[in-house]
Amino acid sequence: MTRRPPVHPLLFAIYPVLFLYGQNLGEVTLGDLVAPIAIVLIASLAVYAAARLILRSSGRAALATSLLVVTFFAYGRVLDAVGGSPIGGGRLLLVAGGVVVLGMAAILLVKRDPTRLNRGLDLVGTVLTLVAIVGIVSYELPRALRPPGAPPPVNNVTATEKTTRDIYYIVVEDLGSPKTLVDHFGLTDTHAFDWLTELGFQVPADSATNYGKTIHMLASTMNMDYLEDLAESVGPESGDYHPLYRLVDDNAAARFLKVQGYRYLHIGSWWDPTEKSSIADVNYGISAPSDFTEALVKTTILPEITSRLPRIGIHLPAQVELSGEGAQYDGAVFGFQKLEDLATAPGPKFVFAHLLVPHDPYVFTEDGKRLTPQARDGLTRKQAFLGQAMYVNHRLEEVARNLLSGPEATRPIVIIQTDEGPNPPAFDDDAETFTWTAASQEDLEIKYPVLNAFYLPGVTNVKIDPGITTVNTFRLLFSTYFGAALPLLPDRLYIYRDKAHPYAFTDITDRLRH
């Protein structure tokens, strides 16, 4: 009777994918599983086939494959656990190599029949995989059956006036306000942002984000409303970010403009929620792995190996780098250039661009050159951030001058905004568990003030309140240019509890607005 080949190499290959998915249920979709599972299964089968040819034993080949698979996927998590210990860093690579060598030696030299061991590993792999699958299904099934939320009521607002000026909404990531950069990040040039007023932008001095998190801010701003109704419908204990993702993907601001005859041109980031929009007429962006795939790669041994190859003279193509820095660099260069390119595209058009700088990883010097890892190691976090922030400022100025180079009668409406301020040090130390309800006053003063600049051509009677918040961005715009009945909302500021509770909001307006 022919023995069934062991299946534990395949089970141990897909389990880390399922485990990571289970850790991030509120932020991922089932589609994120397809490519990683296909890749790890094909790779594991290839390793098993090679081992089978070399060892001439399916049982020993299975053991060798599982040894390599477990070492490959466990490395990143072990590195996180022992990062500050004597075996952290490069020493762990030696430990992993030693484990593989000893394991392979045992597989080759121990003469005992491996059938029982393989059966035991099959059982372990099956249990682990089934536990992971049950956890995923128990979460995904209720979510699939949950009815979609009702569209925001502002979707029904009508225009009583008309404009055909192009509209640019440019959001940069975590820049904060000019004052934040001076007070907390060492910016000495207090005139660095004067180009905005020189070009005719109104820049409210005390503007703030309503929510200190990108997805909350975009969902609120682009739907022109606060998120209380959404929080009530999903519940404060929910960790499901998908309702927020849907509000950004299918947002009221873009829908309103499409009804007015605008084309929606979406310049996406490499971050999944703003990579593209299902209602955009055209999506632009770079090709980059999904956030889930990138997170999965970071749990493996690959980044450790590829980062050390240049030390022995091996330089991989930029497309192969696994740190995420290539997507950050390429995405910013692409996004700024696309904004300039679209200046001549036919209108009327609504252009939304989300640029993930100056948020880390820090890959730009102030003059726009690629910041090498070696150079970055010689900088403090604040220095690296400030250099990238100044690069963003320079490119924003170049884009704005290009967009506004024509006669006033044909100039576009331009809104340059940052979603939130930089992360405070305590958040960067432990973003997964940081509790905003325990944030210090300084943490909030870093996070909430934002750059918010409006270029509003063709109107002379619009005076913007110095303390306007981002939720009123499109209310101001649509009431001014389209006569829409969208009065400004009271400017309120909210924190969410922590990453696991994105709908547990607390009003902190009184802490920051005295």
Protein backbone atom coordinates (compact mmCIF):
# COMPACT_ATOMS: atom_id res chain seq x y z
CA MET A 1 0.00 0.00 0.00
CA THR A 2 1.36 3.42 -0.98
CA ARG A 3 1.88 5.73 1.98
CA ARG A 4 0.27 9.17 1.89
CA PRO A 5 2.95 11.85 1.73
CA PRO A 6 3.13 14.03 4.87
CA VAL A 7 1.22 17.31 4.58
CA HIS A 8 2.69 19.20 7.52
CA PRO A 9 5.10 21.24 5.34
CA LEU A 10 2.09 22.77 3.58
CA LEU A 11 0.18 23.26 6.83
CA PHE A 12 3.15 24.93 8.54
CA ALA A 13 3.53 27.16 5.46
CA ILE A 14 -0.04 28.45 5.42
CA TYR A 15 -0.47 28.69 9.20
CA PRO A 16 1.66 31.85 9.61
CA VAL A 17 -0.39 33.53 6.88
CA LEU A 18 -3.65 32.61 8.59
CA PHE A 19 -2.28 33.55 12.02
CA LEU A 20 -1.26 37.03 10.86
CA TYR A 21 -4.64 37.47 9.19
CA GLY A 22 -6.33 36.51 12.45
CA GLN A 23 -4.31 39.13 14.30
CA ASN A 24 -5.55 41.86 11.93
CA LEU A 25 -9.15 40.86 11.23
CA GLY A 26 -10.46 44.40 11.45
CA GLU A 27 -8.06 45.71 8.82
CA VAL A 28 -7.81 42.99 6.17
CA THR A 29 -10.06 41.25 3.65
CA LEU A 30 -10.15 37.66 2.46
CA GLY A 31 -8.64 38.76 -0.83
CA ASP A 32 -5.43 39.55 1.05
CA LEU A 33 -4.96 35.82 1.67
CA VAL A 34 -5.00 34.62 -1.92
CA ALA A 35 -1.57 35.63 -3.22
CA PRO A 36 0.42 34.90 -0.02
CA ILE A 37 -1.11 31.45 0.42
CA ALA A 38 -0.55 30.60 -3.24
CA ILE A 39 3.08 31.72 -3.04
CA VAL A 40 3.93 29.86 0.18
CA LEU A 41 2.27 26.68 -1.05
CA ILE A 42 4.16 26.75 -4.36
CA ALA A 43 7.45 27.56 -2.62
CA SER A 44 6.96 24.79 -0.04
CA LEU A 45 6.13 22.25 -2.73
CA ALA A 46 9.25 23.28 -4.66
CA VAL A 47 11.44 22.88 -1.56
CA TYR A 48 9.81 19.53 -0.80
CA ALA A 49 10.36 18.30 -4.37
CA ALA A 50 14.03 19.30 -4.24
CA ALA A 51 14.49 17.66 -0.84
CA ARG A 52 12.75 14.51 -2.10
CA LEU A 53 15.20 14.26 -4.98
CA ILE A 54 18.20 14.78 -2.74
CA LEU A 55 17.17 12.63 0.24
CA ARG A 56 15.22 10.01 -1.74
CA SER A 57 12.74 9.75 1.12
CA SER A 58 9.38 11.51 1.27
CA GLY A 59 9.35 11.33 5.07
CA ARG A 60 12.76 12.90 5.54
CA ALA A 61 12.07 15.42 2.78
CA ALA A 62 8.93 16.51 4.63
CA LEU A 63 10.88 16.94 7.87
CA ALA A 64 13.57 18.99 6.10
CA THR A 65 10.96 21.18 4.40
CA SER A 66 9.08 21.86 7.64
CA LEU A 67 12.34 22.71 9.39
CA LEU A 68 13.11 25.33 6.74
CA VAL A 69 9.54 26.63 6.66
CA VAL A 70 9.29 27.05 10.43
CA THR A 71 12.71 28.74 10.61
CA PHE A 72 11.77 31.04 7.72
CA PHE A 73 8.48 32.22 9.26
CA ALA A 74 9.44 32.19 12.94
CA TYR A 75 12.55 34.31 12.53
CA GLY A 76 10.90 37.73 12.45
CA ARG A 77 8.74 37.05 15.49
CA VAL A 78 11.66 35.66 17.48
CA LEU A 79 13.71 38.71 16.48
CA ASP A 80 11.01 41.00 17.86
CA ALA A 81 10.94 39.02 21.09
CA VAL A 82 14.73 39.00 21.68
CA GLY A 83 15.62 42.30 20.00
CA GLY A 84 17.24 43.76 23.11
CA SER A 85 18.98 40.58 24.23
CA PRO A 86 22.50 39.34 23.44
CA ILE A 87 21.19 37.12 20.63
CA GLY A 88 19.29 39.93 18.91
CA GLY A 89 20.26 41.34 15.52
CA GLY A 90 22.85 39.47 13.47
CA ARG A 91 23.55 36.94 16.20
CA LEU A 92 20.05 35.54 15.78
CA LEU A 93 20.86 34.83 12.15
CA LEU A 94 23.74 32.65 13.34
CA VAL A 95 21.42 30.93 15.81
CA ALA A 96 18.91 30.24 13.05
CA GLY A 97 21.67 28.85 10.85
CA GLY A 98 22.82 26.61 13.68
CA VAL A 99 19.28 25.31 14.24
CA VAL A 100 18.95 24.45 10.55
CA VAL A 101 22.34 22.73 10.42
CA LEU A 102 21.65 20.65 13.55
CA GLY A 103 18.15 19.81 12.38
CA MET A 104 19.35 18.71 8.96
CA ALA A 105 22.08 16.62 10.54
CA ALA A 106 19.52 14.82 12.71
CA ILE A 107 17.24 14.21 9.71
CA LEU A 108 20.14 12.71 7.74
CA LEU A 109 21.90 10.76 10.47
CA VAL A 110 19.08 9.38 12.64
CA LYS A 111 18.12 6.08 11.07
CA ARG A 112 14.77 5.64 12.80
CA ASP A 113 11.70 5.52 10.54
CA PRO A 114 10.23 9.08 10.53
CA THR A 115 6.66 7.94 9.83
CA ARG A 116 5.35 8.39 13.39
CA LEU A 117 7.03 11.78 13.71
CA ASN A 118 5.50 12.90 10.42
CA ARG A 119 2.05 11.75 11.55
CA GLY A 120 2.45 13.70 14.78
CA LEU A 121 3.50 16.82 12.87
CA ASP A 122 0.56 16.35 10.50
CA LEU A 123 -1.74 16.35 13.51
CA VAL A 124 -0.12 19.45 15.00
CA GLY A 125 -0.28 21.28 11.68
CA THR A 126 -3.91 20.30 11.15
CA VAL A 127 -4.97 21.50 14.61
CA LEU A 128 -3.15 24.82 14.26
CA THR A 129 -4.59 25.45 10.81
CA LEU A 130 -8.15 24.52 11.81
CA VAL A 131 -8.00 26.76 14.89
CA ALA A 132 -6.86 29.67 12.72
CA ILE A 133 -9.56 29.00 10.11
CA VAL A 134 -12.32 28.75 12.71
CA GLY A 135 -11.26 32.08 14.19
CA ILE A 136 -11.30 33.75 10.78
CA VAL A 137 -14.65 32.29 9.75
CA SER A 138 -16.29 33.21 13.06
CA TYR A 139 -15.30 36.83 12.42
CA GLU A 140 -15.81 37.06 8.66
CA LEU A 141 -19.21 35.36 8.45
CA PRO A 142 -21.08 37.86 10.68
CA ARG A 143 -19.32 40.71 8.92
CA ALA A 144 -20.40 39.39 5.52
CA LEU A 145 -24.01 39.13 6.70
CA ARG A 146 -24.02 42.60 8.27
CA PRO A 147 -25.96 45.08 6.08
CA PRO A 148 -23.94 48.01 4.74
CA GLY A 149 -24.38 51.29 6.54
CA ALA A 150 -26.63 53.98 5.12
CA PRO A 151 -24.92 56.68 3.04
CA PRO A 152 -24.26 59.97 4.82
CA PRO A 153 -27.23 62.38 4.60
CA VAL A 154 -25.08 65.01 2.83
CA ASN A 155 -25.19 62.76 -0.25
CA ASN A 156 -28.63 64.26 -0.87
CA VAL A 157 -27.45 67.89 -0.86
CA THR A 158 -28.02 69.73 -4.15
CA ALA A 159 -26.13 72.57 -5.79
CA THR A 160 -27.82 75.90 -6.55
CA GLU A 161 -24.78 77.47 -8.21
CA LYS A 162 -22.13 76.16 -10.57
CA THR A 163 -18.40 76.37 -11.14
CA THR A 164 -16.16 74.53 -13.59
CA ARG A 165 -12.88 75.24 -11.85
CA ASP A 166 -10.75 72.17 -11.23
CA ILE A 167 -10.47 71.15 -7.59
CA TYR A 168 -7.32 69.70 -6.02
CA TYR A 169 -7.45 68.13 -2.57
CA ILE A 170 -3.90 67.25 -1.51
CA VAL A 171 -3.37 65.42 1.78
CA VAL A 172 0.12 64.78 3.13
CA GLU A 173 0.73 62.40 6.00
CA ASP A 174 1.56 63.51 9.55
CA LEU A 175 3.15 66.86 8.65
CA GLY A 176 1.35 68.66 11.46
CA SER A 177 1.40 72.43 11.61
CA PRO A 178 4.33 74.81 10.99
CA LYS A 179 4.17 75.74 14.68
CA THR A 180 4.47 72.06 15.65
CA LEU A 181 7.62 71.75 13.55
CA VAL A 182 9.12 74.81 15.25
CA ASP A 183 8.11 73.92 18.81
CA HIS A 184 8.78 70.18 18.78
CA PHE A 185 11.03 69.25 15.84
CA GLY A 186 13.68 71.93 15.69
CA LEU A 187 12.57 73.90 12.61
CA THR A 188 14.49 77.17 12.73
CA ASP A 189 13.20 78.73 9.51
CA THR A 190 9.98 80.32 10.73
CA HIS A 191 9.25 81.56 7.19
CA ALA A 192 9.43 78.10 5.57
CA PHE A 193 5.72 78.09 4.74
CA ASP A 194 5.36 81.76 3.78
CA TRP A 195 5.06 80.75 0.12
CA LEU A 196 1.45 79.80 0.81
CA THR A 197 0.29 83.32 1.63
CA GLU A 198 2.55 84.68 -1.11
CA LEU A 199 0.59 82.59 -3.64
CA GLY A 200 -2.75 83.70 -2.20
CA PHE A 201 -3.64 80.78 0.06
CA GLN A 202 -5.59 81.40 3.23
CA VAL A 203 -3.85 79.52 6.05
CA PRO A 204 -5.92 79.34 9.26
CA ALA A 205 -3.40 79.65 12.08
CA ASP A 206 -5.14 77.38 14.60
CA SER A 207 -6.57 74.69 12.33
CA ALA A 208 -6.76 71.15 13.67
CA THR A 209 -7.74 67.66 12.67
CA ASN A 210 -10.92 66.36 14.28
CA TYR A 211 -9.43 62.89 14.75
CA GLY A 212 -5.81 61.95 15.37
CA LYS A 213 -5.79 59.05 12.91
CA THR A 214 -5.63 59.10 9.11
CA ILE A 215 -8.60 56.86 8.35
CA HIS A 216 -10.85 58.71 10.81
CA MET A 217 -9.83 62.09 9.44
CA LEU A 218 -10.36 61.13 5.79
CA ALA A 219 -13.69 59.41 6.50
CA SER A 220 -14.93 62.44 8.39
CA THR A 221 -13.54 65.11 6.06
CA MET A 222 -14.58 63.53 2.77
CA ASN A 223 -18.08 62.83 4.09
CA MET A 224 -18.39 66.26 5.74
CA ASP A 225 -19.62 64.92 9.06
CA TYR A 226 -18.50 63.56 12.39
CA LEU A 227 -18.35 59.82 13.00
CA GLU A 228 -20.71 59.47 15.98
CA ASP A 229 -23.46 57.80 13.96
CA LEU A 230 -21.00 55.28 12.55
CA ALA A 231 -19.56 54.61 16.01
CA GLU A 232 -23.06 54.02 17.38
CA SER A 233 -23.94 51.59 14.58
CA VAL A 234 -20.82 49.41 14.91
CA GLY A 235 -20.36 49.84 18.66
CA PRO A 236 -17.47 51.24 20.71
CA GLU A 237 -15.98 47.78 21.29
CA SER A 238 -15.68 46.98 17.57
CA GLY A 239 -12.24 46.71 16.03
CA ASP A 240 -13.53 46.53 12.46
CA TYR A 241 -12.00 49.30 10.34
CA HIS A 242 -13.84 48.34 7.16
CA PRO A 243 -16.79 50.72 7.67
CA LEU A 244 -14.23 53.54 7.80
CA TYR A 245 -12.48 52.22 4.69
CA ARG A 246 -15.80 52.19 2.83
CA LEU A 247 -16.48 55.82 3.74
CA VAL A 248 -13.17 56.86 2.19
CA ASP A 249 -13.53 54.65 -0.86
CA ASP A 250 -17.09 55.77 -1.65
CA ASN A 251 -17.14 59.27 -0.19
CA ALA A 252 -19.78 61.99 -0.29
CA ALA A 253 -17.46 64.76 -1.51
CA ALA A 254 -16.47 62.91 -4.68
CA ARG A 255 -20.03 61.76 -5.29
CA PHE A 256 -21.33 65.33 -5.01
CA LEU A 257 -18.76 66.57 -7.53
CA LYS A 258 -19.44 63.73 -9.96
CA VAL A 259 -23.10 64.79 -9.99
CA GLN A 260 -21.92 68.30 -10.91
CA GLY A 261 -20.11 66.91 -13.95
CA TYR A 262 -16.62 66.53 -12.50
CA ARG A 263 -14.31 63.63 -13.26
CA TYR A 264 -12.81 62.08 -10.13
CA LEU A 265 -9.06 61.46 -10.54
CA HIS A 266 -7.59 59.56 -7.60
CA ILE A 267 -3.83 59.64 -6.95
CA GLY A 268 -3.47 56.74 -4.55
CA SER A 269 -0.86 55.82 -1.99
CA TRP A 270 0.67 52.40 -1.35
CA TRP A 271 -1.50 52.21 1.80
CA ASP A 272 -4.44 49.92 0.97
CA PRO A 273 -7.35 52.18 2.10
CA THR A 274 -6.32 55.01 -0.26
CA GLU A 275 -4.59 52.97 -2.96
CA LYS A 276 -7.64 53.40 -5.20
CA SER A 277 -11.30 54.36 -5.13
CA SER A 278 -14.12 52.31 -6.58
CA ILE A 279 -15.97 55.47 -7.65
CA ALA A 280 -12.99 57.24 -9.25
CA ASP A 281 -13.06 57.75 -13.00
CA VAL A 282 -9.31 57.12 -13.08
CA ASN A 283 -7.01 55.68 -10.43
CA TYR A 284 -3.28 56.46 -10.51
CA GLY A 285 -0.61 54.86 -8.36
CA ILE A 286 2.48 52.71 -8.13
CA SER A 287 2.51 48.93 -7.99
CA ALA A 288 3.29 47.82 -4.44
CA PRO A 289 2.57 44.77 -2.25
CA SER A 290 -0.51 44.98 -0.06
CA ASP A 291 -0.09 46.10 3.53
CA PHE A 292 -0.84 42.53 4.62
CA THR A 293 1.82 41.02 2.35
CA GLU A 294 4.37 43.54 3.55
CA ALA A 295 3.56 42.76 7.19
CA LEU A 296 3.85 39.04 6.46
CA VAL A 297 7.27 39.45 4.86
CA LYS A 298 8.47 41.31 7.96
CA THR A 299 7.73 38.22 10.09
CA THR A 300 10.13 36.15 7.99
CA ILE A 301 13.89 35.90 7.68
CA LEU A 302 13.93 37.61 4.27
CA PRO A 303 14.44 41.24 5.40
CA GLU A 304 17.37 40.20 7.60
CA ILE A 305 19.05 38.39 4.72
CA THR A 306 18.45 41.01 2.02
CA SER A 307 19.63 43.84 4.29
CA ARG A 308 22.98 42.08 4.75
CA LEU A 309 23.66 41.13 1.15
CA PRO A 310 25.23 44.51 0.22
CA ARG A 311 27.90 43.86 2.89
CA ILE A 312 29.18 41.00 0.75
CA GLY A 313 28.86 42.90 -2.50
CA ILE A 314 25.43 41.64 -3.59
CA HIS A 315 23.01 44.43 -4.52
CA LEU A 316 19.46 43.47 -5.33
CA PRO A 317 17.28 45.51 -7.71
CA ALA A 318 15.17 48.20 -6.06
CA GLN A 319 12.04 46.20 -6.93
CA VAL A 320 13.19 43.44 -4.57
CA GLU A 321 13.87 45.53 -1.48
CA LEU A 322 11.73 44.36 1.44
CA SER A 323 11.84 47.23 3.93
CA GLY A 324 8.97 49.24 2.45
CA GLU A 325 11.31 52.13 1.73
CA GLY A 326 11.14 51.65 -2.03
CA ALA A 327 7.35 52.06 -2.06
CA GLN A 328 7.62 55.12 0.18
CA TYR A 329 10.16 56.77 -2.11
CA ASP A 330 8.53 55.80 -5.40
CA GLY A 331 5.04 56.65 -4.15
CA ALA A 332 5.99 60.19 -3.13
CA VAL A 333 7.93 60.90 -6.31
CA PHE A 334 5.07 59.52 -8.40
CA GLY A 335 2.35 61.38 -6.50
CA PHE A 336 3.96 64.82 -6.69
CA GLN A 337 4.81 64.36 -10.36
CA LYS A 338 1.29 63.17 -11.20
CA LEU A 339 -0.17 66.28 -9.57
CA GLU A 340 1.92 68.40 -11.92
CA ASP A 341 1.10 66.25 -14.94
CA LEU A 342 -2.66 66.47 -14.35
CA ALA A 343 -2.59 70.26 -14.48
CA THR A 344 -3.17 70.04 -18.25
CA ALA A 345 -5.75 67.22 -18.15
CA PRO A 346 -9.22 68.23 -19.34
CA GLY A 347 -11.70 69.37 -16.71
CA PRO A 348 -13.68 69.96 -14.76
CA LYS A 349 -11.91 67.46 -12.53
CA PHE A 350 -11.62 66.66 -8.86
CA VAL A 351 -8.13 65.44 -8.03
CA PHE A 352 -7.55 63.77 -4.67
CA ALA A 353 -3.97 62.88 -3.77
CA HIS A 354 -2.89 61.12 -0.59
CA LEU A 355 0.89 61.27 -0.12
CA LEU A 356 2.35 59.17 2.69
CA VAL A 357 5.15 61.58 3.52
CA PRO A 358 6.63 62.88 5.78
CA HIS A 359 5.46 59.84 7.78
CA ASP A 360 8.15 57.20 8.17
CA PRO A 361 10.00 55.40 6.69
CA TYR A 362 12.30 58.38 6.21
CA VAL A 363 13.72 58.13 2.70
CA PHE A 364 14.22 61.77 1.64
CA THR A 365 16.75 64.38 2.56
CA GLU A 366 15.57 67.98 2.67
CA ASP A 367 16.80 68.56 -0.89
CA GLY A 368 14.94 65.48 -2.19
CA LYS A 369 17.85 63.04 -2.44
CA ARG A 370 17.44 59.42 -1.34
CA LEU A 371 18.32 59.11 2.35
CA THR A 372 20.47 56.02 2.73
CA PRO A 373 20.12 53.73 5.75
CA GLN A 374 23.68 54.59 6.73
CA ALA A 375 22.96 58.32 6.69
CA ARG A 376 19.69 57.81 8.56
CA ASP A 377 21.49 55.91 11.31
CA GLY A 378 23.40 59.12 12.04
CA LEU A 379 20.21 61.13 12.58
CA THR A 380 17.75 61.28 15.42
CA ARG A 381 14.14 60.44 14.61
CA LYS A 382 13.24 64.14 14.84
CA GLN A 383 16.05 65.12 12.47
CA ALA A 384 15.06 62.49 9.91
CA PHE A 385 11.41 63.52 10.15
CA LEU A 386 12.19 67.22 9.80
CA GLY A 387 14.35 66.64 6.73
CA GLN A 388 11.57 64.68 5.04
CA ALA A 389 9.00 67.28 6.12
CA MET A 390 11.01 70.04 4.48
CA TYR A 391 11.27 67.99 1.29
CA VAL A 392 7.47 67.69 1.32
CA ASN A 393 7.16 71.44 1.85
CA HIS A 394 9.44 72.16 -1.12
CA ARG A 395 7.53 69.80 -3.41
CA LEU A 396 4.17 71.18 -2.31
CA GLU A 397 5.39 74.65 -3.23
CA GLU A 398 6.55 73.47 -6.65
CA VAL A 399 3.23 71.73 -7.29
CA ALA A 400 1.22 74.75 -6.15
CA ARG A 401 3.21 77.18 -8.33
CA ASN A 402 2.66 74.89 -11.29
CA LEU A 403 -1.10 74.58 -10.67
CA LEU A 404 -1.51 78.33 -10.22
CA SER A 405 0.71 79.45 -13.11
CA GLY A 406 -2.19 80.29 -15.43
CA PRO A 407 -4.50 83.31 -15.47
CA GLU A 408 -6.67 83.82 -12.39
CA ALA A 409 -9.87 83.13 -14.31
CA THR A 410 -8.82 79.54 -14.99
CA ARG A 411 -6.91 78.71 -11.82
CA PRO A 412 -8.10 75.70 -9.83
CA ILE A 413 -9.34 75.53 -6.28
CA VAL A 414 -6.51 74.00 -4.23
CA ILE A 415 -6.68 72.63 -0.70
CA ILE A 416 -3.43 71.49 0.89
CA GLN A 417 -3.97 69.69 4.15
CA THR A 418 -2.26 67.32 6.50
CA ASP A 419 -4.32 64.58 8.05
CA GLU A 420 -2.77 64.87 11.51
CA GLY A 421 0.42 65.79 13.28
CA PRO A 422 3.49 63.57 13.77
CA ASN A 423 3.28 60.63 16.13
CA PRO A 424 4.46 61.51 19.64
CA PRO A 425 7.43 59.46 20.89
CA ALA A 426 5.32 57.37 23.27
CA PHE A 427 3.11 56.27 20.37
CA ASP A 428 6.08 55.28 18.20
CA ASP A 429 7.43 53.17 21.05
CA ASP A 430 4.31 50.96 21.09
CA ALA A 431 1.70 51.86 18.47
CA GLU A 432 -0.18 48.58 18.93
CA THR A 433 -1.19 49.26 22.54
CA PHE A 434 -0.81 53.04 22.93
CA THR A 435 -3.86 54.42 24.74
CA TRP A 436 -4.92 57.89 23.60
CA THR A 437 -7.11 58.36 26.66
CA ALA A 438 -3.87 58.41 28.66
CA ALA A 439 -2.02 60.73 26.23
CA SER A 440 -0.21 63.67 27.73
CA GLN A 441 -1.03 67.27 26.91
CA GLU A 442 2.17 67.45 24.85
CA ASP A 443 1.16 64.33 22.90
CA LEU A 444 -2.10 65.99 21.90
CA GLU A 445 -0.43 69.30 21.08
CA ILE A 446 1.86 67.45 18.67
CA LYS A 447 -0.92 65.35 17.11
CA TYR A 448 -3.86 67.67 16.49
CA PRO A 449 -2.72 71.03 15.01
CA VAL A 450 -2.42 70.76 11.20
CA LEU A 451 -1.44 72.70 8.13
CA ASN A 452 -4.67 73.61 6.33
CA ALA A 453 -4.32 75.90 3.31
CA PHE A 454 -7.12 77.06 0.98
CA TYR A 455 -6.68 78.66 -2.42
CA LEU A 456 -10.16 79.93 -3.33
CA PRO A 457 -10.03 81.84 -6.63
CA GLY A 458 -12.87 83.98 -7.96
CA VAL A 459 -14.40 84.75 -4.56
CA THR A 460 -13.51 87.66 -2.31
CA ASN A 461 -15.92 87.42 0.59
CA VAL A 462 -14.79 84.15 2.18
CA LYS A 463 -13.16 84.62 5.55
CA ILE A 464 -12.03 81.36 7.08
CA ASP A 465 -12.15 81.00 10.85
CA PRO A 466 -8.60 80.58 12.25
CA GLY A 467 -9.71 77.48 14.17
CA ILE A 468 -11.50 75.67 11.34
CA THR A 469 -11.18 71.90 11.52
CA THR A 470 -10.92 69.40 8.70
CA VAL A 471 -14.54 68.19 8.90
CA ASN A 472 -15.63 71.57 7.49
CA THR A 473 -13.32 71.50 4.47
CA PHE A 474 -15.85 70.49 1.84
CA ARG A 475 -18.76 72.16 3.61
CA LEU A 476 -16.92 75.45 3.15
CA LEU A 477 -15.99 74.62 -0.43
CA PHE A 478 -19.41 73.42 -1.59
CA SER A 479 -21.38 76.19 0.08
CA THR A 480 -19.03 78.81 -1.42
CA TYR A 481 -18.84 77.56 -5.00
CA PHE A 482 -22.02 75.51 -5.42
CA GLY A 483 -24.48 77.22 -3.08
CA ALA A 484 -25.00 73.94 -1.23
CA ALA A 485 -26.94 74.08 2.04
CA LEU A 486 -24.03 72.87 4.15
CA PRO A 487 -23.55 75.09 7.20
CA LEU A 488 -20.27 74.67 9.04
CA LEU A 489 -20.34 72.24 11.95
CA PRO A 490 -19.07 73.15 15.42
CA ASP A 491 -15.34 72.42 15.52
CA ARG A 492 -14.83 69.51 17.90
CA LEU A 493 -11.79 67.30 18.52
CA TYR A 494 -11.88 63.60 19.42
CA ILE A 495 -9.48 60.85 20.40
CA TYR A 496 -10.10 57.14 19.96
CA ARG A 497 -9.17 54.78 22.78
CA ASP A 498 -6.54 52.61 21.06
CA LYS A 499 -5.92 50.63 17.88
CA ALA A 500 -8.29 47.85 18.95
CA HIS A 501 -11.11 50.34 19.69
CA PRO A 502 -11.25 52.82 16.80
CA TYR A 503 -14.87 53.81 17.58
CA ALA A 504 -14.50 54.52 21.31
CA PHE A 505 -14.35 58.31 21.00
CA THR A 506 -13.72 60.88 23.71
CA ASP A 507 -14.21 64.62 23.16
CA ILE A 508 -10.98 66.52 23.96
CA THR A 509 -11.93 69.89 22.53
CA ASP A 510 -11.60 71.60 25.92
CA ARG A 511 -8.07 70.25 26.36
CA LEU A 512 -6.83 71.92 23.17
CA ARG A 513 -9.23 74.83 22.65
CA HIS A 514 -9.02 77.15 25.64
